[in-house]
Amino acid sequence: MKLKNLTTRIKNDVKRLAGAHSSLILAKHYPHFMRELAAKEQEMPICYMCSKEGDTDEHVPPKCLFPEQKDLPQGMDLRKELITVPACEDHNSKKSKDDEYILYCLVVNLPANPIAENYFLSKIMRAIDRNPSLINRIVENHVPVLVNDTEKEEWFETAAVSIDTDRFYYALECMARALFFHYYKRQWLETVQVEPEFLLARGTQNDRLVTDRTEKVSSSSDIAFKEAQYYGKNPEVFTFQIVEGNGKLPFAMRLHFYGNCRVTVAFRNSG
């Protein structure tokens, strides 16, 4: 915009705004400023989940899954280079409500490693002492079970607990979409199907079919991801793998929490 035209425009604005401002100056670098502002707006990241502006940083997985140094052996650091993605305020705050729930479900899970067990006995126990309501909801319908440790050839007592599958699956789906955004620098807006390999069903014949299917998914994933690279700087807590396919299943991902708590993720095209 030429300076003459700019001057005319500002003078017209002065007339229009008379009474609202007591004094105005002519901005010499106004055109340059507007170009810079437009460029910054174009660079503004988008939320990994929707079309809104990604004006917050969201940890994926949630930061609370990674123990602080005070809850670890001296010298150990499990919060190295945590992954973050841009998120809008709505999705970031909505997801944060499920972070503690996901943490509890994972650390009490039988396949979890000693890091998870130690985390439960330190931070989680402190949190339970302050507010036992969440863990009470998780264990309120527990069922005593006997489990066979095939490596030690021993049987031991534990408990099976029910979880809010809708809440748990949605949180895992959000993580998968966020990790896709982190890896490919773009959104995945098609279908995401998550398969926690550590969830079991019990009781009816249909439950047995569900368990059989989960075991088949896990066996297939062992083969599909055998040579795939691991990503994540804190493998004792979390790593992930990704492989590319084709057709209706162009991408697949495997999430590893606390060692052996694995989740297979299928990124499917619609149709």
Foldseek 3Di string as FASTA:
>chain_A
DDPVVQVVVVVVVCVVCPPVDPDDDRDPCVVVVVVVVVVVVVVFDAAQADRHTLPDKQFFPHPVLFDDCVLDPPPDGQPPPTDIDRHDPVVRVVLVVCNVVLLVVPLVFPVFAVVSVSCCVPVVVVVCVVPVVSVCVFCVPKDKDWDAPVVVRDIDIDIDTDDDCVSNQVSVQVSVQRVCCVVVVHGQNADKDKQWLRDAADDDPVSVVVNVVSVVVVVVCCVVCVPFDWDDPRVQAKIKTKDADDDQFGIKMWIAGNHRRIMIMTRGHDD
